[in-house]
Amino acid sequence: AWTMERQAEKVLTFAHIHKPIIAKVQGNCLAGGTDIAFQCDMVLAAEDARIGFPAVRANGMPLAHNWYYHVGPQWAKRIMLSGDCVSGIDAARIGLVLDAVPAAELEAEVTALAKRVAQIDTGLLTANKRIINIAMELAGQKVLQRLDAEMDARAHLANGPRRTRFKKDMAESGLKEALKNR
């Protein structure tokens, strides 16, 4: 659990950077990719992006667990208890990302948003980002991150049939085969 907490601290650094960070999601944003994306201040996605954490089916849970804060308990449970992915369009619909646009327009949309944000004085940006982050802390986000690291460590020790099969497939055939069989 201690090691997992130290790893999570690295990812959680994104939230502590004073300048706003915009994540651009195109293609697959899975497992650890979601840990990074959801530490950013705003996330824009291509409509056809695939976002999810399929690793919950056999390998544990997110290192930086912000799903609840983005989508609430029902959708967080839906995604975390099934390992299913959602499209960029559905991610925007449920509040997981700020917006979804056609892939060909994603770069321009992210650039336009960054330019709008860049027009605000740096001191104001920092103050507004900090107060929102503090509100999330008051809502239990930091405690949740610590508990998540502990639960992830416990999940990695689980020896249920799916986890056992995944480890066996990894040892015998490698990651690609283990993921296929998962």
Protein backbone atom coordinates (compact mmCIF):
# COMPACT_ATOMS: atom_id res chain seq x y z
CA ALA A 1 0.00 0.00 0.00
CA TRP A 2 2.86 2.38 0.82
CA THR A 3 4.42 1.80 -2.60
CA MET A 4 1.09 2.39 -4.33
CA GLU A 5 0.65 5.66 -2.41
CA ARG A 6 4.10 6.83 -3.56
CA GLN A 7 3.24 5.99 -7.18
CA ALA A 8 -0.08 7.81 -6.89
CA GLU A 9 1.70 10.93 -5.58
CA LYS A 10 3.53 11.22 -8.90
CA VAL A 11 0.27 11.21 -10.88
CA LEU A 12 -1.46 13.49 -8.38
CA THR A 13 1.21 16.13 -9.03
CA PHE A 14 -0.78 17.31 -12.06
CA ALA A 15 -3.49 18.69 -9.79
CA HIS A 16 -0.93 20.67 -7.76
CA ILE A 17 0.65 22.47 -10.71
CA HIS A 18 -0.61 26.04 -10.50
CA LYS A 19 -1.23 26.49 -14.21
CA PRO A 20 -4.28 24.86 -15.81
CA ILE A 21 -3.72 21.61 -17.70
CA ILE A 22 -5.96 20.48 -20.56
CA ALA A 23 -5.95 16.81 -21.55
CA LYS A 24 -6.62 15.91 -25.19
CA VAL A 25 -7.96 12.36 -25.54
CA GLN A 26 -7.88 10.69 -28.91
CA GLY A 27 -7.99 6.94 -29.49
CA ASN A 28 -7.74 4.75 -26.41
CA CYS A 29 -7.53 6.31 -22.95
CA LEU A 30 -7.47 3.23 -20.80
CA ALA A 31 -6.27 2.24 -17.33
CA GLY A 32 -3.23 4.38 -16.42
CA GLY A 33 -4.06 6.79 -19.23
CA THR A 34 -7.24 7.70 -17.38
CA ASP A 35 -5.23 8.24 -14.19
CA ILE A 36 -3.27 10.94 -16.00
CA ALA A 37 -6.13 12.46 -17.99
CA PHE A 38 -8.43 12.84 -15.00
CA GLN A 39 -5.78 14.64 -12.98
CA CYS A 40 -5.90 17.41 -15.58
CA ASP A 41 -8.17 20.39 -15.06
CA MET A 42 -10.19 19.90 -18.22
CA VAL A 43 -10.47 16.96 -20.59
CA LEU A 44 -11.56 17.22 -24.23
CA ALA A 45 -12.02 14.02 -26.21
CA ALA A 46 -12.55 12.88 -29.75
CA GLU A 47 -16.07 11.57 -30.22
CA ASP A 48 -14.69 8.14 -31.12
CA ALA A 49 -12.26 7.94 -28.19
CA ARG A 50 -12.51 4.87 -25.95
CA ILE A 51 -12.26 5.70 -22.25
CA GLY A 52 -12.30 3.18 -19.44
CA PHE A 53 -10.48 1.03 -16.97
CA PRO A 54 -10.81 -2.57 -18.21
CA ALA A 55 -8.03 -3.60 -15.82
CA VAL A 56 -10.62 -3.73 -13.01
CA ARG A 57 -11.64 -7.10 -14.42
CA ALA A 58 -8.44 -8.79 -13.24
CA ASN A 59 -5.73 -6.34 -12.17
CA GLY A 60 -6.97 -3.91 -9.56
CA MET A 61 -8.20 -0.37 -9.70
CA PRO A 62 -7.18 3.11 -10.79
CA LEU A 63 -4.05 4.54 -9.20
CA ALA A 64 -5.65 7.98 -9.05
CA HIS A 65 -9.34 7.39 -8.45
CA ASN A 66 -11.27 10.47 -9.61
CA TRP A 67 -14.14 8.68 -11.34
CA TYR A 68 -16.60 9.43 -8.55
CA TYR A 69 -15.77 13.15 -8.65
CA HIS A 70 -16.32 13.33 -12.40
CA VAL A 71 -19.46 11.24 -12.86
CA GLY A 72 -20.98 10.51 -9.43
CA PRO A 73 -21.55 7.16 -7.80
CA GLN A 74 -23.84 5.48 -10.36
CA TRP A 75 -21.60 5.93 -13.40
CA ALA A 76 -18.43 5.38 -11.36
CA LYS A 77 -19.85 2.04 -10.25
CA ARG A 78 -21.07 1.20 -13.75
CA ILE A 79 -17.59 1.66 -15.22
CA MET A 80 -15.54 0.33 -12.28
CA LEU A 81 -17.71 -2.73 -11.65
CA SER A 82 -17.88 -3.80 -15.30
CA GLY A 83 -14.56 -2.70 -16.77
CA ASP A 84 -16.49 -1.42 -19.78
CA CYS A 85 -15.36 1.56 -21.83
CA VAL A 86 -17.37 4.55 -22.98
CA SER A 87 -17.02 6.57 -26.17
CA GLY A 88 -15.96 10.19 -26.14
CA ILE A 89 -19.57 11.15 -26.86
CA ASP A 90 -20.87 9.18 -23.88
CA ALA A 91 -18.02 10.44 -21.69
CA ALA A 92 -19.13 14.02 -22.41
CA ARG A 93 -22.78 13.11 -21.82
CA ILE A 94 -22.07 11.75 -18.33
CA GLY A 95 -19.57 14.47 -17.36
CA LEU A 96 -16.42 12.35 -17.53
CA VAL A 97 -14.95 14.80 -20.04
CA LEU A 98 -15.77 18.44 -20.69
CA ASP A 99 -16.72 17.90 -24.34
CA ALA A 100 -16.33 15.53 -27.27
CA VAL A 101 -15.74 16.70 -30.83
CA PRO A 102 -14.97 14.97 -34.13
CA ALA A 103 -11.37 13.71 -34.10
CA ALA A 104 -10.41 16.02 -36.97
CA GLU A 105 -11.51 19.05 -34.90
CA LEU A 106 -9.95 18.02 -31.57
CA GLU A 107 -6.64 19.83 -31.95
CA ALA A 108 -8.34 23.11 -32.93
CA GLU A 109 -10.85 22.81 -30.07
CA VAL A 110 -8.12 22.20 -27.48
CA THR A 111 -6.06 25.09 -28.87
CA ALA A 112 -9.06 27.43 -28.78
CA LEU A 113 -9.80 26.52 -25.17
CA ALA A 114 -6.16 26.96 -24.19
CA LYS A 115 -6.13 30.41 -25.83
CA ARG A 116 -9.28 31.44 -23.90
CA VAL A 117 -7.74 30.28 -20.64
CA ALA A 118 -4.42 31.99 -21.46
CA GLN A 119 -6.19 35.36 -21.63
CA ILE A 120 -6.79 35.25 -17.86
CA ASP A 121 -4.15 36.64 -15.52
CA THR A 122 -1.92 33.88 -14.13
CA GLY A 123 -2.65 34.88 -10.53
CA LEU A 124 -6.39 34.58 -11.08
CA LEU A 125 -6.00 31.23 -12.82
CA THR A 126 -3.95 29.91 -9.92
CA ALA A 127 -6.41 31.19 -7.31
CA ASN A 128 -9.43 29.74 -9.12
CA LYS A 129 -7.76 26.38 -9.71
CA ARG A 130 -6.66 26.18 -6.06
CA ILE A 131 -10.09 26.96 -4.63
CA ILE A 132 -11.73 24.28 -6.78
CA ASN A 133 -9.03 21.79 -5.80
CA ILE A 134 -9.51 22.67 -2.13
CA ALA A 135 -13.26 22.13 -2.51
CA MET A 136 -12.52 18.65 -3.89
CA GLU A 137 -10.19 18.01 -0.94
CA LEU A 138 -12.96 19.07 1.45
CA ALA A 139 -15.24 16.59 -0.35
CA GLY A 140 -12.78 13.84 0.62
CA GLN A 141 -10.67 13.51 -2.53
CA LYS A 142 -7.30 13.18 -0.74
CA VAL A 143 -8.63 10.60 1.69
CA LEU A 144 -10.14 8.68 -1.22
CA GLN A 145 -6.76 8.66 -3.00
CA ARG A 146 -5.06 7.14 0.07
CA LEU A 147 -7.77 4.53 0.51
CA ASP A 148 -7.64 3.75 -3.21
CA ALA A 149 -3.92 2.99 -3.00
CA GLU A 150 -4.57 0.61 -0.13
CA MET A 151 -7.47 -1.09 -1.89
CA ASP A 152 -5.43 -1.40 -5.09
CA ALA A 153 -2.64 -3.11 -3.14
CA ARG A 154 -5.20 -5.51 -1.66
CA ALA A 155 -6.73 -6.14 -5.09
CA HIS A 156 -3.30 -7.08 -6.47
CA LEU A 157 -3.03 -9.73 -3.75
CA ALA A 158 -6.41 -11.25 -4.62
CA ASN A 159 -6.28 -14.78 -5.96
CA GLY A 160 -9.70 -15.20 -7.49
CA PRO A 161 -10.03 -17.29 -10.66
CA ARG A 162 -9.80 -14.36 -13.09
CA ARG A 163 -6.75 -12.84 -11.40
CA THR A 164 -5.07 -16.26 -11.20
CA ARG A 165 -5.79 -16.91 -14.88
CA PHE A 166 -4.47 -13.47 -15.87
CA LYS A 167 -1.20 -14.03 -13.97
CA LYS A 168 -0.82 -17.50 -15.51
CA ASP A 169 -1.45 -16.18 -19.04
CA MET A 170 1.04 -13.37 -18.45
CA ALA A 171 3.72 -15.82 -17.32
CA GLU A 172 3.12 -18.32 -20.10
CA SER A 173 2.08 -16.21 -23.08
CA GLY A 174 2.68 -12.54 -22.31
CA LEU A 175 0.54 -9.45 -21.91
CA LYS A 176 -1.21 -9.52 -25.28
CA GLU A 177 -2.57 -13.03 -24.73
CA ALA A 178 -3.51 -12.29 -21.11
CA LEU A 179 -5.47 -9.22 -22.18
CA LYS A 180 -7.17 -11.15 -24.96
CA ASN A 181 -8.24 -13.88 -22.53
CA ARG A 182 -9.35 -11.40 -19.90
